[in-house]
Amino acid sequence: MKKVFVLIILFIYSISFAQNNNFGKNPATGKILQLADADIYYEVYGKGEPLFLLHGNGGSIDAFAKEIPELSKHFMVVAMDTRGQGQSTDTSKEPLTYRKFADDVKMLADELKLKKINILGWSDGGITGLEFAIKYPHRVKKVITSGANVFPEGLGESEVLEK
């Protein structure tokens, strides 16, 4: 019974922590990397191996609000808003691409003087992580993706499994 009570308290605490956070809008932690054609907003939490968190399209750092507290116990979490999303800006004239996003990740890793990074990316963030690994294989340790694809157009008829 005592263990159940402790688990319930921990669960409530973790939910309240996630709901009362300022992830993505934390003036104490938030910084901006100024590039020629963008300002990249990011926050760093914890210590250890660097783990970049890359959100999906239209998202921001707060997409990882529930994960940051736990991950920052084990990693130096670098959460960033993709250019043109969240608190990051974009003034470039070219179309936005995953390769450009991967370059932004590299520029932030360089700014933080990180030689090798781990990446956890969801959806478009996962695609960015894959692009980073393809373009900068010597700079990546591990990539974890969810909801990412290599061909963003989607599956063609020949790629659909038949029953």
N, C-alpha and C. Protein backbone atom coordinates (compact mmCIF):
# COMPACT_ATOMS: atom_id res chain seq x y z
N MET A 1 0.82 -1.20 0.00
CA MET A 1 0.00 0.00 0.00
C MET A 1 0.87 1.26 0.00
N LYS A 2 1.94 1.22 0.78
CA LYS A 2 2.83 2.37 0.87
C LYS A 2 3.47 2.64 -0.49
N LYS A 3 3.86 1.58 -1.22
CA LYS A 3 4.47 1.74 -2.53
C LYS A 3 3.49 2.37 -3.51
N VAL A 4 2.23 1.95 -3.46
CA VAL A 4 1.21 2.52 -4.34
C VAL A 4 1.04 4.01 -4.05
N PHE A 5 1.01 4.36 -2.79
CA PHE A 5 0.87 5.76 -2.39
C PHE A 5 2.04 6.60 -2.92
N VAL A 6 3.25 6.10 -2.77
CA VAL A 6 4.43 6.81 -3.25
C VAL A 6 4.36 6.96 -4.77
N LEU A 7 3.96 5.91 -5.49
CA LEU A 7 3.84 5.99 -6.94
C LEU A 7 2.79 7.03 -7.36
N ILE A 8 1.69 7.08 -6.65
CA ILE A 8 0.65 8.07 -6.96
C ILE A 8 1.18 9.48 -6.74
N ILE A 9 1.89 9.70 -5.65
CA ILE A 9 2.46 11.03 -5.36
C ILE A 9 3.47 11.41 -6.44
N LEU A 10 4.33 10.47 -6.83
CA LEU A 10 5.31 10.75 -7.88
C LEU A 10 4.62 11.06 -9.21
N PHE A 11 3.57 10.33 -9.52
CA PHE A 11 2.82 10.57 -10.75
C PHE A 11 2.20 11.96 -10.75
N ILE A 12 1.56 12.33 -9.65
CA ILE A 12 0.94 13.65 -9.54
C ILE A 12 2.00 14.74 -9.64
N TYR A 13 3.12 14.53 -8.97
CA TYR A 13 4.21 15.51 -9.01
C TYR A 13 4.73 15.68 -10.43
N SER A 14 4.92 14.57 -11.14
CA SER A 14 5.46 14.67 -12.51
C SER A 14 4.46 15.36 -13.43
N ILE A 15 3.18 15.10 -13.26
CA ILE A 15 2.17 15.77 -14.09
C ILE A 15 2.14 17.26 -13.77
N SER A 16 2.15 17.62 -12.51
CA SER A 16 2.11 19.03 -12.15
C SER A 16 3.37 19.74 -12.60
N PHE A 17 4.52 19.07 -12.54
CA PHE A 17 5.77 19.68 -13.01
C PHE A 17 5.69 19.94 -14.50
N ALA A 18 5.18 18.98 -15.25
CA ALA A 18 5.07 19.15 -16.70
C ALA A 18 4.07 20.24 -17.06
N GLN A 19 2.98 20.35 -16.29
CA GLN A 19 1.97 21.34 -16.61
C GLN A 19 2.37 22.74 -16.16
N ASN A 20 3.21 22.86 -15.16
CA ASN A 20 3.60 24.16 -14.64
C ASN A 20 4.99 24.57 -15.11
N ASN A 21 5.41 24.04 -16.21
CA ASN A 21 6.74 24.36 -16.70
C ASN A 21 6.71 25.57 -17.60
N ASN A 22 7.88 26.02 -17.93
CA ASN A 22 8.03 27.09 -18.89
C ASN A 22 8.85 26.61 -20.08
N PHE A 23 8.85 25.31 -20.33
CA PHE A 23 9.65 24.79 -21.43
C PHE A 23 9.23 25.47 -22.73
N GLY A 24 10.20 26.02 -23.41
CA GLY A 24 9.93 26.76 -24.63
C GLY A 24 9.76 28.24 -24.41
N LYS A 25 9.63 28.64 -23.15
CA LYS A 25 9.48 30.07 -22.80
C LYS A 25 10.11 30.31 -21.44
N ASN A 26 11.34 29.84 -21.29
CA ASN A 26 12.00 29.90 -19.99
C ASN A 26 13.10 30.97 -20.03
N PRO A 27 12.83 32.17 -19.50
CA PRO A 27 13.82 33.24 -19.56
C PRO A 27 15.11 32.93 -18.78
N ALA A 28 15.02 32.04 -17.80
CA ALA A 28 16.22 31.69 -17.02
C ALA A 28 17.16 30.79 -17.81
N THR A 29 16.62 30.01 -18.72
CA THR A 29 17.41 29.02 -19.46
C THR A 29 17.51 29.33 -20.95
N GLY A 30 16.50 29.98 -21.49
CA GLY A 30 16.43 30.21 -22.93
C GLY A 30 17.52 31.11 -23.46
N LYS A 31 18.02 30.75 -24.63
CA LYS A 31 19.05 31.54 -25.32
C LYS A 31 18.72 31.56 -26.80
N ILE A 32 19.39 32.46 -27.51
CA ILE A 32 19.17 32.58 -28.95
C ILE A 32 20.52 32.49 -29.67
N LEU A 33 20.58 31.61 -30.65
CA LEU A 33 21.72 31.52 -31.54
C LEU A 33 21.39 32.37 -32.76
N GLN A 34 22.15 33.44 -32.96
CA GLN A 34 21.89 34.33 -34.08
C GLN A 34 22.67 33.87 -35.30
N LEU A 35 21.93 33.52 -36.35
CA LEU A 35 22.52 33.13 -37.62
C LEU A 35 22.27 34.27 -38.62
N ALA A 36 22.85 34.19 -39.79
CA ALA A 36 22.69 35.25 -40.79
C ALA A 36 21.22 35.45 -41.19
N ASP A 37 20.47 34.34 -41.24
CA ASP A 37 19.09 34.43 -41.72
C ASP A 37 18.06 33.85 -40.76
N ALA A 38 18.45 33.69 -39.50
CA ALA A 38 17.51 33.12 -38.51
C ALA A 38 18.04 33.36 -37.10
N ASP A 39 17.12 33.41 -36.17
CA ASP A 39 17.45 33.36 -34.75
C ASP A 39 16.88 32.05 -34.23
N ILE A 40 17.75 31.19 -33.70
CA ILE A 40 17.33 29.87 -33.23
C ILE A 40 17.23 29.91 -31.71
N TYR A 41 16.02 29.72 -31.21
CA TYR A 41 15.79 29.71 -29.76
C TYR A 41 16.05 28.31 -29.23
N TYR A 42 16.75 28.23 -28.08
CA TYR A 42 17.03 26.93 -27.49
C TYR A 42 17.14 27.04 -25.97
N GLU A 43 16.98 25.90 -25.33
CA GLU A 43 17.11 25.78 -23.88
C GLU A 43 17.95 24.55 -23.57
N VAL A 44 18.77 24.63 -22.54
CA VAL A 44 19.63 23.51 -22.14
C VAL A 44 19.30 23.14 -20.70
N TYR A 45 19.13 21.84 -20.47
CA TYR A 45 18.82 21.32 -19.13
C TYR A 45 19.70 20.11 -18.85
N GLY A 46 20.13 19.95 -17.61
CA GLY A 46 20.85 18.76 -17.18
C GLY A 46 22.30 18.74 -17.60
N LYS A 47 22.94 17.61 -17.29
CA LYS A 47 24.35 17.40 -17.60
C LYS A 47 24.53 16.00 -18.15
N GLY A 48 25.65 15.80 -18.81
CA GLY A 48 25.95 14.48 -19.36
C GLY A 48 26.11 14.56 -20.87
N GLU A 49 25.90 13.42 -21.52
CA GLU A 49 25.98 13.37 -22.99
C GLU A 49 24.91 14.29 -23.57
N PRO A 50 25.25 15.01 -24.65
CA PRO A 50 24.26 15.90 -25.25
C PRO A 50 23.17 15.12 -26.00
N LEU A 51 21.94 15.52 -25.76
CA LEU A 51 20.78 14.94 -26.44
C LEU A 51 19.93 16.09 -26.98
N PHE A 52 19.91 16.23 -28.30
CA PHE A 52 19.09 17.26 -28.94
C PHE A 52 17.67 16.74 -29.11
N LEU A 53 16.70 17.54 -28.72
CA LEU A 53 15.29 17.21 -28.91
C LEU A 53 14.76 18.06 -30.07
N LEU A 54 14.25 17.39 -31.10
CA LEU A 54 13.76 18.09 -32.29
C LEU A 54 12.27 17.79 -32.46
N HIS A 55 11.46 18.83 -32.38
CA HIS A 55 10.00 18.69 -32.44
C HIS A 55 9.49 18.54 -33.87
N GLY A 56 8.20 18.26 -33.99
CA GLY A 56 7.56 18.12 -35.30
C GLY A 56 7.12 19.45 -35.87
N ASN A 57 6.60 19.40 -37.11
CA ASN A 57 6.17 20.59 -37.82
C ASN A 57 5.10 21.37 -37.05
N GLY A 58 5.30 22.67 -36.97
CA GLY A 58 4.35 23.53 -36.27
C GLY A 58 4.47 23.48 -34.77
N GLY A 59 5.43 22.71 -34.26
CA GLY A 59 5.59 22.56 -32.82
C GLY A 59 6.63 23.49 -32.24
N SER A 60 7.03 23.17 -31.05
CA SER A 60 8.07 23.93 -30.36
C SER A 60 8.63 23.05 -29.25
N ILE A 61 9.52 23.62 -28.48
CA ILE A 61 10.16 22.89 -27.38
C ILE A 61 9.13 22.26 -26.45
N ASP A 62 8.02 22.95 -26.22
CA ASP A 62 7.05 22.44 -25.24
C ASP A 62 6.41 21.11 -25.66
N ALA A 63 6.66 20.66 -26.89
CA ALA A 63 6.20 19.33 -27.31
C ALA A 63 6.87 18.24 -26.46
N PHE A 64 8.02 18.57 -25.86
CA PHE A 64 8.77 17.62 -25.03
C PHE A 64 8.66 17.95 -23.54
N ALA A 65 7.63 18.69 -23.15
CA ALA A 65 7.49 19.13 -21.76
C ALA A 65 7.49 17.98 -20.76
N LYS A 66 6.92 16.86 -21.13
CA LYS A 66 6.87 15.73 -20.20
C LYS A 66 8.16 14.91 -20.21
N GLU A 67 8.91 14.99 -21.29
CA GLU A 67 10.14 14.21 -21.40
C GLU A 67 11.36 14.92 -20.82
N ILE A 68 11.40 16.25 -20.93
CA ILE A 68 12.58 17.00 -20.50
C ILE A 68 12.95 16.75 -19.04
N PRO A 69 12.01 16.77 -18.10
CA PRO A 69 12.42 16.54 -16.70
C PRO A 69 13.14 15.21 -16.48
N GLU A 70 12.65 14.15 -17.08
CA GLU A 70 13.29 12.84 -16.89
C GLU A 70 14.59 12.73 -17.68
N LEU A 71 14.57 13.15 -18.93
CA LEU A 71 15.77 13.05 -19.76
C LEU A 71 16.92 13.89 -19.21
N SER A 72 16.59 15.03 -18.61
CA SER A 72 17.65 15.91 -18.09
C SER A 72 18.32 15.35 -16.84
N LYS A 73 17.78 14.27 -16.29
CA LYS A 73 18.45 13.57 -15.18
C LYS A 73 19.62 12.74 -15.69
N HIS A 74 19.62 12.43 -16.98
CA HIS A 74 20.61 11.52 -17.56
C HIS A 74 21.45 12.14 -18.68
N PHE A 75 20.97 13.24 -19.26
CA PHE A 75 21.62 13.85 -20.41
C PHE A 75 21.67 15.37 -20.26
N MET A 76 22.55 15.99 -21.03
CA MET A 76 22.46 17.42 -21.24
C MET A 76 21.46 17.59 -22.38
N VAL A 77 20.25 17.96 -22.04
CA VAL A 77 19.18 18.09 -23.02
C VAL A 77 19.28 19.46 -23.69
N VAL A 78 19.35 19.45 -25.01
CA VAL A 78 19.35 20.68 -25.79
C VAL A 78 18.05 20.66 -26.59
N ALA A 79 17.09 21.47 -26.15
CA ALA A 79 15.80 21.54 -26.83
C ALA A 79 15.79 22.83 -27.65
N MET A 80 15.45 22.71 -28.92
CA MET A 80 15.50 23.89 -29.80
C MET A 80 14.21 24.00 -30.60
N ASP A 81 13.84 25.24 -30.87
CA ASP A 81 12.73 25.50 -31.78
C ASP A 81 13.30 25.56 -33.20
N THR A 82 12.70 24.81 -34.10
CA THR A 82 13.11 24.83 -35.50
C THR A 82 12.88 26.24 -36.06
N ARG A 83 13.76 26.65 -36.98
CA ARG A 83 13.61 28.00 -37.55
C ARG A 83 12.20 28.22 -38.08
N GLY A 84 11.67 29.40 -37.78
CA GLY A 84 10.32 29.77 -38.21
C GLY A 84 9.22 29.17 -37.35
N GLN A 85 9.58 28.48 -36.28
CA GLN A 85 8.58 27.85 -35.41
C GLN A 85 8.91 28.18 -33.95
N GLY A 86 7.91 28.08 -33.09
CA GLY A 86 8.14 28.41 -31.68
C GLY A 86 8.66 29.83 -31.59
N GLN A 87 9.77 30.00 -30.86
CA GLN A 87 10.36 31.33 -30.71
C GLN A 87 11.51 31.58 -31.68
N SER A 88 11.76 30.66 -32.60
CA SER A 88 12.80 30.86 -33.60
C SER A 88 12.23 31.63 -34.79
N THR A 89 13.09 32.41 -35.43
CA THR A 89 12.66 33.20 -36.59
C THR A 89 13.36 32.69 -37.84
N ASP A 90 12.86 33.13 -38.99
CA ASP A 90 13.48 32.80 -40.27
C ASP A 90 13.29 33.99 -41.21
N THR A 91 14.39 34.53 -41.71
CA THR A 91 14.32 35.63 -42.68
C THR A 91 14.92 35.23 -44.02
N SER A 92 15.19 33.93 -44.20
CA SER A 92 15.79 33.47 -45.45
C SER A 92 14.79 33.62 -46.59
N LYS A 93 15.31 33.71 -47.78
CA LYS A 93 14.46 33.84 -48.98
C LYS A 93 14.20 32.49 -49.64
N GLU A 94 15.05 31.48 -49.30
CA GLU A 94 14.90 30.16 -49.88
C GLU A 94 13.83 29.37 -49.13
N PRO A 95 13.31 28.32 -49.76
CA PRO A 95 12.35 27.46 -49.07
C PRO A 95 13.01 26.76 -47.87
N LEU A 96 12.22 26.48 -46.88
CA LEU A 96 12.73 25.72 -45.73
C LEU A 96 12.90 24.27 -46.13
N THR A 97 14.01 23.68 -45.72
CA THR A 97 14.28 22.28 -46.03
C THR A 97 14.82 21.59 -44.79
N TYR A 98 14.73 20.27 -44.79
CA TYR A 98 15.27 19.50 -43.68
C TYR A 98 16.79 19.63 -43.63
N ARG A 99 17.42 19.79 -44.78
CA ARG A 99 18.88 19.99 -44.79
C ARG A 99 19.26 21.30 -44.11
N LYS A 100 18.46 22.34 -44.35
CA LYS A 100 18.70 23.62 -43.69
C LYS A 100 18.51 23.46 -42.18
N PHE A 101 17.46 22.72 -41.78
CA PHE A 101 17.24 22.48 -40.36
C PHE A 101 18.42 21.71 -39.76
N ALA A 102 18.95 20.72 -40.51
CA ALA A 102 20.11 19.96 -40.04
C ALA A 102 21.32 20.87 -39.89
N ASP A 103 21.49 21.82 -40.80
CA ASP A 103 22.58 22.79 -40.67
C ASP A 103 22.41 23.63 -39.41
N ASP A 104 21.17 23.98 -39.09
CA ASP A 104 20.91 24.74 -37.86
C ASP A 104 21.31 23.93 -36.63
N VAL A 105 21.01 22.64 -36.64
CA VAL A 105 21.41 21.76 -35.53
C VAL A 105 22.93 21.77 -35.41
N LYS A 106 23.62 21.65 -36.54
CA LYS A 106 25.08 21.66 -36.53
C LYS A 106 25.62 22.98 -35.97
N MET A 107 25.02 24.09 -36.41
CA MET A 107 25.48 25.40 -35.93
C MET A 107 25.28 25.53 -34.42
N LEU A 108 24.19 25.00 -33.90
CA LEU A 108 23.96 25.05 -32.46
C LEU A 108 24.94 24.13 -31.74
N ALA A 109 25.19 22.95 -32.27
CA ALA A 109 26.18 22.05 -31.67
C ALA A 109 27.55 22.72 -31.66
N ASP A 110 27.89 23.41 -32.75
CA ASP A 110 29.16 24.13 -32.81
C ASP A 110 29.21 25.23 -31.74
N GLU A 111 28.13 25.97 -31.63
CA GLU A 111 28.05 27.06 -30.64
C GLU A 111 28.28 26.53 -29.22
N LEU A 112 27.73 25.35 -28.95
CA LEU A 112 27.86 24.74 -27.62
C LEU A 112 29.13 23.92 -27.49
N LYS A 113 29.95 23.92 -28.56
CA LYS A 113 31.24 23.20 -28.58
C LYS A 113 31.06 21.69 -28.33
N LEU A 114 30.06 21.13 -28.99
CA LEU A 114 29.76 19.70 -28.87
C LEU A 114 30.22 19.00 -30.14
N LYS A 115 31.12 18.05 -29.99
CA LYS A 115 31.68 17.36 -31.15
C LYS A 115 30.74 16.27 -31.68
N LYS A 116 30.13 15.48 -30.77
CA LYS A 116 29.20 14.42 -31.16
C LYS A 116 27.93 14.59 -30.34
N ILE A 117 26.79 14.39 -31.00
CA ILE A 117 25.52 14.56 -30.31
C ILE A 117 24.61 13.36 -30.54
N ASN A 118 23.67 13.20 -29.62
CA ASN A 118 22.56 12.26 -29.78
C ASN A 118 21.36 13.10 -30.19
N ILE A 119 20.47 12.52 -30.97
CA ILE A 119 19.28 13.24 -31.43
C ILE A 119 18.05 12.39 -31.18
N LEU A 120 17.04 13.01 -30.60
CA LEU A 120 15.72 12.40 -30.49
C LEU A 120 14.78 13.32 -31.26
N GLY A 121 14.25 12.82 -32.37
CA GLY A 121 13.39 13.65 -33.20
C GLY A 121 12.05 13.00 -33.45
N TRP A 122 11.03 13.81 -33.42
CA TRP A 122 9.67 13.35 -33.66
C TRP A 122 9.16 14.00 -34.94
N SER A 123 8.60 13.20 -35.86
CA SER A 123 8.01 13.67 -37.11
C SER A 123 9.05 14.45 -37.91
N ASP A 124 8.80 15.73 -38.21
CA ASP A 124 9.78 16.52 -38.96
C ASP A 124 11.11 16.60 -38.22
N GLY A 125 11.07 16.58 -36.90
CA GLY A 125 12.31 16.56 -36.12
C GLY A 125 13.09 15.27 -36.35
N GLY A 126 12.38 14.18 -36.55
CA GLY A 126 13.04 12.91 -36.89
C GLY A 126 13.68 12.95 -38.26
N ILE A 127 12.99 13.57 -39.21
CA ILE A 127 13.55 13.71 -40.55
C ILE A 127 14.81 14.58 -40.48
N THR A 128 14.74 15.65 -39.72
CA THR A 128 15.91 16.51 -39.53
C THR A 128 17.06 15.72 -38.93
N GLY A 129 16.76 14.87 -37.94
CA GLY A 129 17.79 14.03 -37.34
C GLY A 129 18.43 13.10 -38.35
N LEU A 130 17.61 12.51 -39.23
CA LEU A 130 18.15 11.64 -40.28
C LEU A 130 19.03 12.43 -41.25
N GLU A 131 18.58 13.61 -41.63
CA GLU A 131 19.37 14.46 -42.53
C GLU A 131 20.70 14.84 -41.88
N PHE A 132 20.66 15.14 -40.57
CA PHE A 132 21.89 15.47 -39.85
C PHE A 132 22.86 14.29 -39.90
N ALA A 133 22.35 13.10 -39.65
CA ALA A 133 23.19 11.89 -39.65
C ALA A 133 23.77 11.61 -41.03
N ILE A 134 23.01 11.88 -42.08
CA ILE A 134 23.50 11.68 -43.45
C ILE A 134 24.57 12.72 -43.80
N LYS A 135 24.31 13.97 -43.46
CA LYS A 135 25.20 15.06 -43.84
C LYS A 135 26.43 15.17 -42.94
N TYR A 136 26.26 14.84 -41.66
CA TYR A 136 27.35 14.98 -40.68
C TYR A 136 27.54 13.69 -39.88
N PRO A 137 27.83 12.57 -40.53
CA PRO A 137 27.90 11.29 -39.81
C PRO A 137 28.95 11.28 -38.70
N HIS A 138 30.01 12.04 -38.86
CA HIS A 138 31.07 12.08 -37.84
C HIS A 138 30.66 12.90 -36.62
N ARG A 139 29.52 13.61 -36.68
CA ARG A 139 29.07 14.45 -35.57
C ARG A 139 27.94 13.84 -34.76
N VAL A 140 27.47 12.67 -35.19
CA VAL A 140 26.31 12.07 -34.50
C VAL A 140 26.72 10.76 -33.83
N LYS A 141 26.20 10.58 -32.62
CA LYS A 141 26.44 9.32 -31.92
C LYS A 141 25.26 8.38 -32.15
N LYS A 142 24.07 8.83 -31.80
CA LYS A 142 22.86 8.02 -31.99
C LYS A 142 21.70 8.92 -32.42
N VAL A 143 20.80 8.33 -33.20
CA VAL A 143 19.59 9.04 -33.61
C VAL A 143 18.39 8.15 -33.29
N ILE A 144 17.43 8.74 -32.63
CA ILE A 144 16.17 8.05 -32.34
C ILE A 144 15.07 8.87 -33.01
N THR A 145 14.27 8.21 -33.84
CA THR A 145 13.20 8.93 -34.51
C THR A 145 11.86 8.25 -34.26
N SER A 146 10.83 9.05 -34.34
CA SER A 146 9.47 8.56 -34.25
C SER A 146 8.63 9.34 -35.25
N GLY A 147 7.92 8.64 -36.08
CA GLY A 147 7.07 9.30 -37.06
C GLY A 147 7.84 9.99 -38.16
N ALA A 148 9.08 9.57 -38.40
CA ALA A 148 9.90 10.17 -39.46
C ALA A 148 9.86 9.28 -40.69
N ASN A 149 10.17 9.88 -41.83
CA ASN A 149 10.27 9.11 -43.05
C ASN A 149 11.39 9.68 -43.91
N VAL A 150 11.91 8.88 -44.80
CA VAL A 150 12.98 9.33 -45.67
C VAL A 150 12.41 10.11 -46.86
N PHE A 151 11.23 9.73 -47.29
CA PHE A 151 10.56 10.40 -48.40
C PHE A 151 9.30 11.07 -47.87
N PRO A 152 9.36 12.36 -47.55
CA PRO A 152 8.22 13.04 -46.92
C PRO A 152 6.95 13.06 -47.74
N GLU A 153 7.02 12.72 -49.05
CA GLU A 153 5.79 12.70 -49.86
C GLU A 153 4.83 11.60 -49.40
N GLY A 154 5.34 10.60 -48.70
CA GLY A 154 4.50 9.52 -48.25
C GLY A 154 4.77 8.24 -49.02
N LEU A 155 3.98 7.24 -48.75
CA LEU A 155 4.15 5.94 -49.38
C LEU A 155 3.47 5.90 -50.74
N GLY A 156 4.14 5.27 -51.67
CA GLY A 156 3.54 5.03 -52.98
C GLY A 156 2.82 3.70 -52.97
N GLU A 157 2.08 3.41 -54.03
CA GLU A 157 1.32 2.16 -54.10
C GLU A 157 2.23 0.94 -54.00
N SER A 158 3.42 1.01 -54.59
CA SER A 158 4.31 -0.15 -54.60
C SER A 158 4.92 -0.42 -53.21
N GLU A 159 4.80 0.56 -52.29
CA GLU A 159 5.39 0.39 -50.96
C GLU A 159 4.37 -0.03 -49.90
N VAL A 160 3.11 -0.11 -50.28
CA VAL A 160 2.06 -0.50 -49.35
C VAL A 160 2.01 -2.01 -49.27
N LEU A 161 1.98 -2.52 -48.05
CA LEU A 161 1.90 -3.98 -47.86
C LEU A 161 0.50 -4.47 -48.20
N GLU A 162 0.42 -5.56 -48.92
CA GLU A 162 -0.87 -6.15 -49.24
C GLU A 162 -1.22 -7.19 -48.19
N LYS A 163 -2.50 -7.37 -47.95
CA LYS A 163 -2.95 -8.33 -46.95
C LYS A 163 -2.91 -9.73 -47.47
